[in-house]
Every structure is written in structure tokens, then in C-alpha cells.
Amino acid sequence: MTIIEMRNPVTLSIDAVKALLTWRGRGCDPMPSTLEFVNEGEGSRLVLVMSNKKDSYYVVTPTKCSCPTATYHPGQSCKHQRKHFPQVAMPAAEEESIRPAGKWPGGLNGPVDKIPGEA
């Protein structure tokens, strides 16, 4: 029986997590801020993270998260993935350089070869 879907995680209500904890024989007062589940047979792992409003739990896997940020920025890892799965989290978008790419006329790497203070 599948209790939590790992491929397409969906945010869980507090009541759903309370029912899961009761079923697992764990106390739910106070509610934990995170819960970790490991499937030994598959070697997979997921983490439930309580939202800041404390009204739901996000389902976090190495490749997906049910938080709003992950929905609005597909292809980028959210803060929950970076925290709980640092070894597989995708890097944050790189900052764009103010220096132009490629060579400028005259063979320089930009208007100047080095910016003052640059090694």
C-alpha cells in the first residue's frame, strides 16, 4: 500500500500526518518539525517538513518537493531539498557576471584585462 507518493509529492495536511504517526505508533503532541522515512528495500528516502504556517507538511525527495517554491521554479532545487539532500541538490542559479563573455576587439578579455583587486 502506498501511503506517500514519492514521484509526484503532494503537500499533506496536519491531520494526514497525525493519522500517519498514529498508524506508525508514534506520538504527535507536539507535532515534529520534520519526519524522515527510509525505504530500506529501494534505498529511497523522503522527508516531511512542516510549513512555516504550521498548517501542512511538504513532501521532500531528492528530486522533487511539494512546496510552492519548487512549483514556481521547476528544475531548481528548493531550500528543503538543499537542506535535507545536499549531496544531490541542484546548484542554485549562477549569478550573471557583469563582465562580457568572450573576447573583445584587440584581444582583451573585456575593457580591461583585470578588474582592480582581482588576482
PDB file of N, CA and C in Angstrom:
ATOM      1  N   MET A   1       0.841  -1.167   0.000  1.00  0.00           N
ATOM      2  CA  MET A   1       0.000   0.000   0.000  1.00  0.00           C
ATOM      3  C   MET A   1       0.897   1.245   0.000  1.00  0.00           C
ATOM      4  N   THR A   2       0.645   2.176  -0.909  1.00  0.00           N
ATOM      5  CA  THR A   2       1.389   3.426  -0.986  1.00  0.00           C
ATOM      6  C   THR A   2       0.736   4.464  -0.091  1.00  0.00           C
ATOM      7  N   ILE A   3       1.497   4.988   0.856  1.00  0.00           N
ATOM      8  CA  ILE A   3       0.968   5.996   1.766  1.00  0.00           C
ATOM      9  C   ILE A   3       1.365   7.383   1.286  1.00  0.00           C
ATOM     10  N   ILE A   4       2.620   7.535   0.874  1.00  0.00           N
ATOM     11  CA  ILE A   4       3.096   8.814   0.382  1.00  0.00           C
ATOM     12  C   ILE A   4       3.722   8.581  -0.990  1.00  0.00           C
ATOM     13  N   GLU A   5       3.260   9.307  -1.988  1.00  0.00           N
ATOM     14  CA  GLU A   5       3.773   9.185  -3.349  1.00  0.00           C
ATOM     15  C   GLU A   5       5.091   9.932  -3.459  1.00  0.00           C
ATOM     16  N   MET A   6       6.156   9.262  -3.904  1.00  0.00           N
ATOM     17  CA  MET A   6       7.473   9.882  -3.994  1.00  0.00           C
ATOM     18  C   MET A   6       7.713  10.533  -5.352  1.00  0.00           C
ATOM     19  N   ARG A   7       7.090  10.018  -6.417  1.00  0.00           N
ATOM     20  CA  ARG A   7       7.360  10.560  -7.749  1.00  0.00           C
ATOM     21  C   ARG A   7       6.718  11.922  -7.950  1.00  0.00           C
ATOM     22  N   ASN A   8       5.518  12.114  -7.456  1.00  0.00           N
ATOM     23  CA  ASN A   8       4.803  13.383  -7.569  1.00  0.00           C
ATOM     24  C   ASN A   8       4.293  13.770  -6.190  1.00  0.00           C
ATOM     25  N   PRO A   9       5.174  14.283  -5.331  1.00  0.00           N
ATOM     26  CA  PRO A   9       4.774  14.560  -3.951  1.00  0.00           C
ATOM     27  C   PRO A   9       3.692  15.631  -3.859  1.00  0.00           C
ATOM     28  N   VAL A  10       2.797  15.435  -2.903  1.00  0.00           N
ATOM     29  CA  VAL A  10       1.695  16.361  -2.648  1.00  0.00           C
ATOM     30  C   VAL A  10       1.776  16.784  -1.189  1.00  0.00           C
ATOM     31  N   THR A  11       1.583  18.069  -0.933  1.00  0.00           N
ATOM     32  CA  THR A  11       1.601  18.589   0.432  1.00  0.00           C
ATOM     33  C   THR A  11       0.532  17.890   1.261  1.00  0.00           C
ATOM     34  N   LEU A  12       0.885  17.509   2.493  1.00  0.00           N
ATOM     35  CA  LEU A  12      -0.026  16.780   3.373  1.00  0.00           C
ATOM     36  C   LEU A  12      -0.590  17.698   4.451  1.00  0.00           C
ATOM     37  N   SER A  13      -1.832  17.456   4.820  1.00  0.00           N
ATOM     38  CA  SER A  13      -2.439  18.220   5.908  1.00  0.00           C
ATOM     39  C   SER A  13      -1.898  17.728   7.247  1.00  0.00           C
ATOM     40  N   ILE A  14      -2.070  18.538   8.268  1.00  0.00           N
ATOM     41  CA  ILE A  14      -1.661  18.152   9.627  1.00  0.00           C
ATOM     42  C   ILE A  14      -2.399  16.887  10.051  1.00  0.00           C
ATOM     43  N   ASP A  15      -3.702  16.812   9.735  1.00  0.00           N
ATOM     44  CA  ASP A  15      -4.489  15.637  10.107  1.00  0.00           C
ATOM     45  C   ASP A  15      -3.964  14.368   9.446  1.00  0.00           C
ATOM     46  N   ALA A  16      -3.528  14.473   8.178  1.00  0.00           N
ATOM     47  CA  ALA A  16      -2.985  13.306   7.482  1.00  0.00           C
ATOM     48  C   ALA A  16      -1.699  12.825   8.151  1.00  0.00           C
ATOM     49  N   VAL A  17      -0.845  13.764   8.565  1.00  0.00           N
ATOM     50  CA  VAL A  17       0.408  13.392   9.223  1.00  0.00           C
ATOM     51  C   VAL A  17       0.130  12.827  10.620  1.00  0.00           C
ATOM     52  N   LYS A  18      -0.868  13.384  11.320  1.00  0.00           N
ATOM     53  CA  LYS A  18      -1.256  12.816  12.621  1.00  0.00           C
ATOM     54  C   LYS A  18      -1.724  11.378  12.461  1.00  0.00           C
ATOM     55  N   ALA A  19      -2.525  11.108  11.446  1.00  0.00           N
ATOM     56  CA  ALA A  19      -3.004   9.744  11.195  1.00  0.00           C
ATOM     57  C   ALA A  19      -1.836   8.819  10.867  1.00  0.00           C
ATOM     58  N   LEU A  20      -0.869   9.309  10.085  1.00  0.00           N
ATOM     59  CA  LEU A  20       0.311   8.513   9.751  1.00  0.00           C
ATOM     60  C   LEU A  20       1.127   8.201  10.998  1.00  0.00           C
ATOM     61  N   LEU A  21       1.328   9.199  11.862  1.00  0.00           N
ATOM     62  CA  LEU A  21       2.079   8.968  13.097  1.00  0.00           C
ATOM     63  C   LEU A  21       1.360   7.988  14.016  1.00  0.00           C
ATOM     64  N   THR A  22       0.054   8.112  14.108  1.00  0.00           N
ATOM     65  CA  THR A  22      -0.728   7.182  14.933  1.00  0.00           C
ATOM     66  C   THR A  22      -0.604   5.771  14.388  1.00  0.00           C
ATOM     67  N   TRP A  23      -0.698   5.632  13.070  1.00  0.00           N
ATOM     68  CA  TRP A  23      -0.578   4.321  12.431  1.00  0.00           C
ATOM     69  C   TRP A  23       0.804   3.715  12.681  1.00  0.00           C
ATOM     70  N   ARG A  24       1.852   4.577  12.711  1.00  0.00           N
ATOM     71  CA  ARG A  24       3.214   4.098  12.960  1.00  0.00           C
ATOM     72  C   ARG A  24       3.499   3.906  14.445  1.00  0.00           C
ATOM     73  N   GLY A  25       2.530   4.257  15.323  1.00  0.00           N
ATOM     74  CA  GLY A  25       2.706   4.084  16.754  1.00  0.00           C
ATOM     75  C   GLY A  25       3.571   5.157  17.393  1.00  0.00           C
ATOM     76  N   ARG A  26       3.625   6.337  16.788  1.00  0.00           N
ATOM     77  CA  ARG A  26       4.423   7.441  17.325  1.00  0.00           C
ATOM     78  C   ARG A  26       3.507   8.522  17.856  1.00  0.00           C
ATOM     79  N   GLY A  27       3.966   9.226  18.865  1.00  0.00           N
ATOM     80  CA  GLY A  27       3.194  10.318  19.428  1.00  0.00           C
ATOM     81  C   GLY A  27       3.176  11.522  18.502  1.00  0.00           C
ATOM     82  N   CYS A  28       2.132  12.326  18.628  1.00  0.00           N
ATOM     83  CA  CYS A  28       2.041  13.500  17.755  1.00  0.00           C
ATOM     84  C   CYS A  28       1.725  14.771  18.546  1.00  0.00           C
ATOM     85  N   ASP A  29       2.157  14.809  19.814  1.00  0.00           N
ATOM     86  CA  ASP A  29       1.956  16.009  20.603  1.00  0.00           C
ATOM     87  C   ASP A  29       3.252  16.313  21.346  1.00  0.00           C
ATOM     88  N   PRO A  30       4.002  17.277  20.963  1.00  0.00           N
ATOM     89  CA  PRO A  30       3.796  18.239  19.878  1.00  0.00           C
ATOM     90  C   PRO A  30       4.159  17.619  18.526  1.00  0.00           C
ATOM     91  N   MET A  31       3.679  18.242  17.467  1.00  0.00           N
ATOM     92  CA  MET A  31       3.979  17.755  16.127  1.00  0.00           C
ATOM     93  C   MET A  31       5.446  18.047  15.809  1.00  0.00           C
ATOM     94  N   PRO A  32       6.160  17.062  15.249  1.00  0.00           N
ATOM     95  CA  PRO A  32       7.567  17.286  14.899  1.00  0.00           C
ATOM     96  C   PRO A  32       7.693  18.235  13.713  1.00  0.00           C
ATOM     97  N   SER A  33       8.805  18.960  13.637  1.00  0.00           N
ATOM     98  CA  SER A  33       9.012  19.876  12.517  1.00  0.00           C
ATOM     99  C   SER A  33       9.429  19.123  11.248  1.00  0.00           C
ATOM    100  N   THR A  34      10.097  17.977  11.421  1.00  0.00           N
ATOM    101  CA  THR A  34      10.453  17.132  10.277  1.00  0.00           C
ATOM    102  C   THR A  34      10.271  15.667  10.640  1.00  0.00           C
ATOM    103  N   LEU A  35       9.962  14.879   9.631  1.00  0.00           N
ATOM    104  CA  LEU A  35       9.866  13.421   9.767  1.00  0.00           C
ATOM    105  C   LEU A  35      10.601  12.801   8.594  1.00  0.00           C
ATOM    106  N   GLU A  36      11.418  11.801   8.855  1.00  0.00           N
ATOM    107  CA  GLU A  36      12.176  11.146   7.791  1.00  0.00           C
ATOM    108  C   GLU A  36      11.705   9.705   7.646  1.00  0.00           C
ATOM    109  N   PHE A  37      11.507   9.285   6.398  1.00  0.00           N
ATOM    110  CA  PHE A  37      11.104   7.918   6.097  1.00  0.00           C
ATOM    111  C   PHE A  37      12.101   7.319   5.118  1.00  0.00           C
ATOM    112  N   VAL A  38      12.564   6.103   5.427  1.00  0.00           N
ATOM    113  CA  VAL A  38      13.535   5.415   4.576  1.00  0.00           C
ATOM    114  C   VAL A  38      12.939   4.089   4.157  1.00  0.00           C
ATOM    115  N   ASN A  39      13.000   3.800   2.857  1.00  0.00           N
ATOM    116  CA  ASN A  39      12.569   2.515   2.334  1.00  0.00           C
ATOM    117  C   ASN A  39      13.833   1.698   2.111  1.00  0.00           C
ATOM    118  N   GLU A  40      14.142   0.822   3.056  1.00  0.00           N
ATOM    119  CA  GLU A  40      15.385   0.046   3.016  1.00  0.00           C
ATOM    120  C   GLU A  40      15.497  -0.773   1.735  1.00  0.00           C
ATOM    121  N   GLY A  41      14.390  -1.371   1.286  1.00  0.00           N
ATOM    122  CA  GLY A  41      14.424  -2.224   0.105  1.00  0.00           C
ATOM    123  C   GLY A  41      14.816  -1.484  -1.154  1.00  0.00           C
ATOM    124  N   GLU A  42      14.326  -0.273  -1.313  1.00  0.00           N
ATOM    125  CA  GLU A  42      14.614   0.517  -2.514  1.00  0.00           C
ATOM    126  C   GLU A  42      15.776   1.481  -2.318  1.00  0.00           C
ATOM    127  N   GLY A  43      16.178   1.690  -1.071  1.00  0.00           N
ATOM    128  CA  GLY A  43      17.239   2.647  -0.789  1.00  0.00           C
ATOM    129  C   GLY A  43      16.779   4.085  -0.986  1.00  0.00           C
ATOM    130  N   SER A  44      15.475   4.302  -0.938  1.00  0.00           N
ATOM    131  CA  SER A  44      14.948   5.653  -1.134  1.00  0.00           C
ATOM    132  C   SER A  44      14.589   6.277   0.210  1.00  0.00           C
ATOM    133  N   ARG A  45      14.494   7.595   0.197  1.00  0.00           N
ATOM    134  CA  ARG A  45      14.245   8.340   1.423  1.00  0.00           C
ATOM    135  C   ARG A  45      13.399   9.558   1.089  1.00  0.00           C
ATOM    136  N   LEU A  46      12.521   9.930   2.004  1.00  0.00           N
ATOM    137  CA  LEU A  46      11.783  11.177   1.867  1.00  0.00           C
ATOM    138  C   LEU A  46      11.661  11.819   3.227  1.00  0.00           C
ATOM    139  N   VAL A  47      11.442  13.126   3.205  1.00  0.00           N
ATOM    140  CA  VAL A  47      11.348  13.899   4.441  1.00  0.00           C
ATOM    141  C   VAL A  47      10.066  14.710   4.385  1.00  0.00           C
ATOM    142  N   LEU A  48       9.326  14.737   5.489  1.00  0.00           N
ATOM    143  CA  LEU A  48       8.169  15.610   5.627  1.00  0.00           C
ATOM    144  C   LEU A  48       8.624  16.812   6.440  1.00  0.00           C
ATOM    145  N   VAL A  49       8.389  18.007   5.919  1.00  0.00           N
ATOM    146  CA  VAL A  49       8.833  19.244   6.560  1.00  0.00           C
ATOM    147  C   VAL A  49       7.609  20.107   6.834  1.00  0.00           C
ATOM    148  N   MET A  50       7.443  20.523   8.098  1.00  0.00           N
ATOM    149  CA  MET A  50       6.306  21.371   8.451  1.00  0.00           C
ATOM    150  C   MET A  50       6.476  22.752   7.816  1.00  0.00           C
ATOM    151  N   SER A  51       5.382  23.278   7.280  1.00  0.00           N
ATOM    152  CA  SER A  51       5.414  24.606   6.663  1.00  0.00           C
ATOM    153  C   SER A  51       5.591  25.680   7.738  1.00  0.00           C
ATOM    154  N   ASN A  52       5.981  26.876   7.306  1.00  0.00           N
ATOM    155  CA  ASN A  52       6.157  27.980   8.260  1.00  0.00           C
ATOM    156  C   ASN A  52       4.857  28.346   8.952  1.00  0.00           C
ATOM    157  N   LYS A  53       3.729  28.200   8.252  1.00  0.00           N
ATOM    158  CA  LYS A  53       2.423  28.493   8.856  1.00  0.00           C
ATOM    159  C   LYS A  53       1.980  27.397   9.822  1.00  0.00           C
ATOM    160  N   LYS A  54       2.681  26.273   9.794  1.00  0.00           N
ATOM    161  CA  LYS A  54       2.384  25.116  10.651  1.00  0.00           C
ATOM    162  C   LYS A  54       0.993  24.541  10.391  1.00  0.00           C
ATOM    163  N   ASP A  55       0.552  24.646   9.120  1.00  0.00           N
ATOM    164  CA  ASP A  55      -0.756  24.107   8.766  1.00  0.00           C
ATOM    165  C   ASP A  55      -0.672  22.927   7.796  1.00  0.00           C
ATOM    166  N   SER A  56       0.563  22.553   7.386  1.00  0.00           N
ATOM    167  CA  SER A  56       0.732  21.434   6.463  1.00  0.00           C
ATOM    168  C   SER A  56       2.182  20.963   6.490  1.00  0.00           C
ATOM    169  N   TYR A  57       2.416  19.844   5.801  1.00  0.00           N
ATOM    170  CA  TYR A  57       3.762  19.289   5.668  1.00  0.00           C
ATOM    171  C   TYR A  57       4.096  19.159   4.185  1.00  0.00           C
ATOM    172  N   TYR A  58       5.287  19.618   3.796  1.00  0.00           N
ATOM    173  CA  TYR A  58       5.767  19.432   2.436  1.00  0.00           C
ATOM    174  C   TYR A  58       6.456  18.081   2.349  1.00  0.00           C
ATOM    175  N   VAL A  59       6.248  17.392   1.253  1.00  0.00           N
ATOM    176  CA  VAL A  59       6.915  16.121   0.994  1.00  0.00           C
ATOM    177  C   VAL A  59       8.154  16.440   0.158  1.00  0.00           C
ATOM    178  N   VAL A  60       9.334  16.075   0.684  1.00  0.00           N
ATOM    179  CA  VAL A  60      10.600  16.417   0.046  1.00  0.00           C
ATOM    180  C   VAL A  60      11.343  15.130  -0.315  1.00  0.00           C
ATOM    181  N   THR A  61      11.748  15.020  -1.580  1.00  0.00           N
ATOM    182  CA  THR A  61      12.578  13.917  -2.053  1.00  0.00           C
ATOM    183  C   THR A  61      13.826  14.531  -2.685  1.00  0.00           C
ATOM    184  N   PRO A  62      14.806  13.719  -3.061  1.00  0.00           N
ATOM    185  CA  PRO A  62      15.994  14.303  -3.690  1.00  0.00           C
ATOM    186  C   PRO A  62      15.691  15.061  -4.981  1.00  0.00           C
ATOM    187  N   THR A  63      14.643  14.681  -5.691  1.00  0.00           N
ATOM    188  CA  THR A  63      14.364  15.294  -6.986  1.00  0.00           C
ATOM    189  C   THR A  63      13.145  16.203  -7.009  1.00  0.00           C
ATOM    190  N   LYS A  64      12.273  16.128  -6.005  1.00  0.00           N
ATOM    191  CA  LYS A  64      11.048  16.930  -6.010  1.00  0.00           C
ATOM    192  C   LYS A  64      10.690  17.381  -4.605  1.00  0.00           C
ATOM    193  N   CYS A  65       9.883  18.455  -4.556  1.00  0.00           N
ATOM    194  CA  CYS A  65       9.345  18.953  -3.297  1.00  0.00           C
ATOM    195  C   CYS A  65       7.959  19.496  -3.588  1.00  0.00           C
ATOM    196  N   SER A  66       7.069  19.395  -2.622  1.00  0.00           N
ATOM    197  CA  SER A  66       5.696  19.873  -2.832  1.00  0.00           C
ATOM    198  C   SER A  66       5.500  21.317  -2.382  1.00  0.00           C
ATOM    199  N   CYS A  67       6.586  22.018  -2.018  1.00  0.00           N
ATOM    200  CA  CYS A  67       6.445  23.407  -1.573  1.00  0.00           C
ATOM    201  C   CYS A  67       6.160  24.329  -2.765  1.00  0.00           C
ATOM    202  N   PRO A  68       5.587  25.512  -2.497  1.00  0.00           N
ATOM    203  CA  PRO A  68       5.286  26.450  -3.581  1.00  0.00           C
ATOM    204  C   PRO A  68       6.507  26.886  -4.386  1.00  0.00           C
ATOM    205  N   THR A  69       7.654  27.057  -3.742  1.00  0.00           N
ATOM    206  CA  THR A  69       8.857  27.489  -4.458  1.00  0.00           C
ATOM    207  C   THR A  69       9.245  26.477  -5.529  1.00  0.00           C
ATOM    208  N   ALA A  70       9.179  25.195  -5.203  1.00  0.00           N
ATOM    209  CA  ALA A  70       9.525  24.162  -6.178  1.00  0.00           C
ATOM    210  C   ALA A  70       8.551  24.169  -7.354  1.00  0.00           C
ATOM    211  N   THR A  71       7.304  24.522  -7.085  1.00  0.00           N
ATOM    212  CA  THR A  71       6.303  24.594  -8.144  1.00  0.00           C
ATOM    213  C   THR A  71       6.587  25.772  -9.070  1.00  0.00           C
ATOM    214  N   TYR A  72       6.958  26.915  -8.507  1.00  0.00           N
ATOM    215  CA  TYR A  72       7.200  28.121  -9.296  1.00  0.00           C
ATOM    216  C   TYR A  72       8.545  28.126 -10.000  1.00  0.00           C
ATOM    217  N   HIS A  73       9.486  27.308  -9.539  1.00  0.00           N
ATOM    218  CA  HIS A  73      10.831  27.267 -10.130  1.00  0.00           C
ATOM    219  C   HIS A  73      11.211  25.830 -10.487  1.00  0.00           C
ATOM    220  N   PRO A  74      10.534  25.227 -11.465  1.00  0.00           N
ATOM    221  CA  PRO A  74      10.871  23.842 -11.829  1.00  0.00           C
ATOM    222  C   PRO A  74      12.308  23.752 -12.354  1.00  0.00           C
ATOM    223  N   GLY A  75      12.950  22.647 -12.064  1.00  0.00           N
ATOM    224  CA  GLY A  75      14.326  22.455 -12.498  1.00  0.00           C
ATOM    225  C   GLY A  75      15.356  22.997 -11.532  1.00  0.00           C
ATOM    226  N   GLN A  76      14.916  23.712 -10.495  1.00  0.00           N
ATOM    227  CA  GLN A  76      15.831  24.209  -9.472  1.00  0.00           C
ATOM    228  C   GLN A  76      15.467  23.548  -8.150  1.00  0.00           C
ATOM    229  N   SER A  77      16.467  23.309  -7.329  1.00  0.00           N
ATOM    230  CA  SER A  77      16.178  22.728  -6.027  1.00  0.00           C
ATOM    231  C   SER A  77      15.726  23.827  -5.069  1.00  0.00           C
ATOM    232  N   CYS A  78      14.791  23.490  -4.200  1.00  0.00           N
ATOM    233  CA  CYS A  78      14.302  24.448  -3.209  1.00  0.00           C
ATOM    234  C   CYS A  78      15.155  24.332  -1.938  1.00  0.00           C
ATOM    235  N   LYS A  79      14.891  25.201  -0.975  1.00  0.00           N
ATOM    236  CA  LYS A  79      15.681  25.201   0.259  1.00  0.00           C
ATOM    237  C   LYS A  79      15.519  23.895   1.033  1.00  0.00           C
ATOM    238  N   HIS A  80      14.352  23.250   0.917  1.00  0.00           N
ATOM    239  CA  HIS A  80      14.134  21.984   1.624  1.00  0.00           C
ATOM    240  C   HIS A  80      15.013  20.886   1.032  1.00  0.00           C
ATOM    241  N   GLN A  81      15.105  20.816  -0.293  1.00  0.00           N
ATOM    242  CA  GLN A  81      15.961  19.819  -0.940  1.00  0.00           C
ATOM    243  C   GLN A  81      17.428  20.082  -0.622  1.00  0.00           C
ATOM    244  N   ARG A  82      17.848  21.342  -0.668  1.00  0.00           N
ATOM    245  CA  ARG A  82      19.247  21.662  -0.378  1.00  0.00           C
ATOM    246  C   ARG A  82      19.605  21.319   1.064  1.00  0.00           C
ATOM    247  N   LYS A  83      18.665  21.474   1.981  1.00  0.00           N
ATOM    248  CA  LYS A  83      18.941  21.181   3.392  1.00  0.00           C
ATOM    249  C   LYS A  83      18.968  19.680   3.667  1.00  0.00           C
ATOM    250  N   HIS A  84      17.978  18.956   3.167  1.00  0.00           N
ATOM    251  CA  HIS A  84      17.837  17.541   3.524  1.00  0.00           C
ATOM    252  C   HIS A  84      18.518  16.580   2.554  1.00  0.00           C
ATOM    253  N   PHE A  85      18.853  17.040   1.352  1.00  0.00           N
ATOM    254  CA  PHE A  85      19.532  16.203   0.362  1.00  0.00           C
ATOM    255  C   PHE A  85      20.673  16.994  -0.285  1.00  0.00           C
ATOM    256  N   PRO A  86      21.643  17.471   0.505  1.00  0.00           N
ATOM    257  CA  PRO A  86      22.694  18.332  -0.056  1.00  0.00           C
ATOM    258  C   PRO A  86      23.564  17.629  -1.098  1.00  0.00           C
ATOM    259  N   GLN A  87      23.705  16.319  -1.000  1.00  0.00           N
ATOM    260  CA  GLN A  87      24.576  15.589  -1.917  1.00  0.00           C
ATOM    261  C   GLN A  87      23.992  15.476  -3.320  1.00  0.00           C
ATOM    262  N   VAL A  88      22.684  15.659  -3.479  1.00  0.00           N
ATOM    263  CA  VAL A  88      22.069  15.538  -4.809  1.00  0.00           C
ATOM    264  C   VAL A  88      21.339  16.798  -5.238  1.00  0.00           C
ATOM    265  N   ALA A  89      21.278  17.809  -4.397  1.00  0.00           N
ATOM    266  CA  ALA A  89      20.555  19.036  -4.734  1.00  0.00           C
ATOM    267  C   ALA A  89      21.243  19.749  -5.887  1.00  0.00           C
ATOM    268  N   MET A  90      20.439  20.278  -6.793  1.00  0.00           N
ATOM    269  CA  MET A  90      20.960  21.022  -7.927  1.00  0.00           C
ATOM    270  C   MET A  90      21.467  22.374  -7.435  1.00  0.00           C
ATOM    271  N   PRO A  91      22.538  22.880  -8.026  1.00  0.00           N
ATOM    272  CA  PRO A  91      23.041  24.182  -7.575  1.00  0.00           C
ATOM    273  C   PRO A  91      22.043  25.284  -7.878  1.00  0.00           C
ATOM    274  N   ALA A  92      22.074  26.317  -7.062  1.00  0.00           N
ATOM    275  CA  ALA A  92      21.216  27.475  -7.306  1.00  0.00           C
ATOM    276  C   ALA A  92      21.669  28.145  -8.593  1.00  0.00           C
ATOM    277  N   ALA A  93      20.780  28.890  -9.200  1.00  0.00           N
ATOM    278  CA  ALA A  93      21.119  29.570 -10.447  1.00  0.00           C
ATOM    279  C   ALA A  93      22.352  30.450 -10.239  1.00  0.00           C
ATOM    280  N   GLU A  94      23.284  30.347 -11.170  1.00  0.00           N
ATOM    281  CA  GLU A  94      24.516  31.115 -11.044  1.00  0.00           C
ATOM    282  C   GLU A  94      24.237  32.593 -11.289  1.00  0.00           C
ATOM    283  N   GLU A  95      24.944  33.421 -10.551  1.00  0.00           N
ATOM    284  CA  GLU A  95      24.816  34.854 -10.758  1.00  0.00           C
ATOM    285  C   GLU A  95      25.442  35.206 -12.099  1.00  0.00           C
ATOM    286  N   GLU A  96      24.808  36.120 -12.811  1.00  0.00           N
ATOM    287  CA  GLU A  96      25.359  36.549 -14.083  1.00  0.00           C
ATOM    288  C   GLU A  96      26.486  37.541 -13.831  1.00  0.00           C
ATOM    289  N   SER A  97      27.545  37.391 -14.586  1.00  0.00           N
ATOM    290  CA  SER A  97      28.683  38.294 -14.460  1.00  0.00           C
ATOM    291  C   SER A  97      28.383  39.601 -15.174  1.00  0.00           C
ATOM    292  N   ILE A  98      28.910  40.685 -14.621  1.00  0.00           N
ATOM    293  CA  ILE A  98      28.759  41.966 -15.300  1.00  0.00           C
ATOM    294  C   ILE A  98      29.798  42.115 -16.406  1.00  0.00           C
ATOM    295  N   ARG A  99      30.781  41.213 -16.425  1.00  0.00           N
ATOM    296  CA  ARG A  99      31.811  41.239 -17.456  1.00  0.00           C
ATOM    297  C   ARG A  99      31.282  40.562 -18.708  1.00  0.00           C
ATOM    298  N   PRO A 100      31.549  41.101 -19.875  1.00  0.00           N
ATOM    299  CA  PRO A 100      31.076  40.490 -21.108  1.00  0.00           C
ATOM    300  C   PRO A 100      31.771  39.166 -21.365  1.00  0.00           C
ATOM    301  N   ALA A 101      31.044  38.255 -21.983  1.00  0.00           N
ATOM    302  CA  ALA A 101      31.603  36.947 -22.303  1.00  0.00           C
ATOM    303  C   ALA A 101      32.434  37.044 -23.577  1.00  0.00           C
ATOM    304  N   GLY A 102      33.434  36.207 -23.693  1.00  0.00           N
ATOM    305  CA  GLY A 102      34.229  36.154 -24.911  1.00  0.00           C
ATOM    306  C   GLY A 102      35.273  37.253 -24.988  1.00  0.00           C
ATOM    307  N   LYS A 103      35.910  37.327 -26.133  1.00  0.00           N
ATOM    308  CA  LYS A 103      36.986  38.299 -26.354  1.00  0.00           C
ATOM    309  C   LYS A 103      36.436  39.572 -26.980  1.00  0.00           C
ATOM    310  N   TRP A 104      36.991  40.674 -26.574  1.00  0.00           N
ATOM    311  CA  TRP A 104      36.673  41.973 -27.168  1.00  0.00           C
ATOM    312  C   TRP A 104      37.686  42.246 -28.283  1.00  0.00           C
ATOM    313  N   PRO A 105      37.366  43.172 -29.163  1.00  0.00           N
ATOM    314  CA  PRO A 105      38.349  43.534 -30.194  1.00  0.00           C
ATOM    315  C   PRO A 105      39.662  43.950 -29.535  1.00  0.00           C
ATOM    316  N   GLY A 106      40.754  43.571 -30.130  1.00  0.00           N
ATOM    317  CA  GLY A 106      42.061  43.904 -29.571  1.00  0.00           C
ATOM    318  C   GLY A 106      42.610  42.786 -28.709  1.00  0.00           C
ATOM    319  N   GLY A 107      41.858  41.688 -28.523  1.00  0.00           N
ATOM    320  CA  GLY A 107      42.347  40.531 -27.795  1.00  0.00           C
ATOM    321  C   GLY A 107      42.205  40.603 -26.297  1.00  0.00           C
ATOM    322  N   LEU A 108      41.606  41.661 -25.772  1.00  0.00           N
ATOM    323  CA  LEU A 108      41.418  41.747 -24.328  1.00  0.00           C
ATOM    324  C   LEU A 108      40.225  40.900 -23.906  1.00  0.00           C
ATOM    325  N   ASN A 109      40.165  40.507 -22.643  1.00  0.00           N
ATOM    326  CA  ASN A 109      39.050  39.733 -22.114  1.00  0.00           C
ATOM    327  C   ASN A 109      37.878  40.624 -21.714  1.00  0.00           C
ATOM    328  N   GLY A 110      37.968  41.873 -21.939  1.00  0.00           N
ATOM    329  CA  GLY A 110      36.955  42.843 -21.582  1.00  0.00           C
ATOM    330  C   GLY A 110      37.572  44.208 -21.741  1.00  0.00           C
ATOM    331  N   PRO A 111      36.952  45.255 -21.227  1.00  0.00           N
ATOM    332  CA  PRO A 111      37.515  46.587 -21.343  1.00  0.00           C
ATOM    333  C   PRO A 111      38.895  46.697 -20.699  1.00  0.00           C
ATOM    334  N   VAL A 112      39.136  45.868 -19.686  1.00  0.00           N
ATOM    335  CA  VAL A 112      40.447  45.786 -19.050  1.00  0.00           C
ATOM    336  C   VAL A 112      40.758  44.325 -18.827  1.00  0.00           C
ATOM    337  N   ASP A 113      42.044  43.982 -18.755  1.00  0.00           N
ATOM    338  CA  ASP A 113      42.405  42.582 -18.547  1.00  0.00           C
ATOM    339  C   ASP A 113      42.009  42.100 -17.154  1.00  0.00           C
ATOM    340  N   LYS A 114      42.202  42.967 -16.162  1.00  0.00           N
ATOM    341  CA  LYS A 114      41.860  42.595 -14.788  1.00  0.00           C
ATOM    342  C   LYS A 114      41.139  43.749 -14.134  1.00  0.00           C
ATOM    343  N   ILE A 115      40.187  43.387 -13.300  1.00  0.00           N
ATOM    344  CA  ILE A 115      39.482  44.384 -12.508  1.00  0.00           C
ATOM    345  C   ILE A 115      40.358  44.677 -11.298  1.00  0.00           C
ATOM    346  N   PRO A 116      40.490  45.935 -10.867  1.00  0.00           N
ATOM    347  CA  PRO A 116      41.322  46.236  -9.695  1.00  0.00           C
ATOM    348  C   PRO A 116      40.925  45.366  -8.496  1.00  0.00           C
ATOM    349  N   GLY A 117      41.904  44.768  -7.868  1.00  0.00           N
ATOM    350  CA  GLY A 117      41.663  43.900  -6.729  1.00  0.00           C
ATOM    351  C   GLY A 117      41.525  42.435  -7.124  1.00  0.00           C
ATOM    352  N   GLU A 118      41.461  42.155  -8.441  1.00  0.00           N
ATOM    353  CA  GLU A 118      41.350  40.794  -8.924  1.00  0.00           C
ATOM    354  C   GLU A 118      42.738  40.171  -8.995  1.00  0.00           C
ATOM    355  N   ALA A 119      42.858  38.922  -8.625  1.00  0.00           N
ATOM    356  CA  ALA A 119      44.159  38.254  -8.650  1.00  0.00           C
ATOM    357  C   ALA A 119      44.523  37.846 -10.052  1.00  0.00           C
TER     358      ALA A 119
END
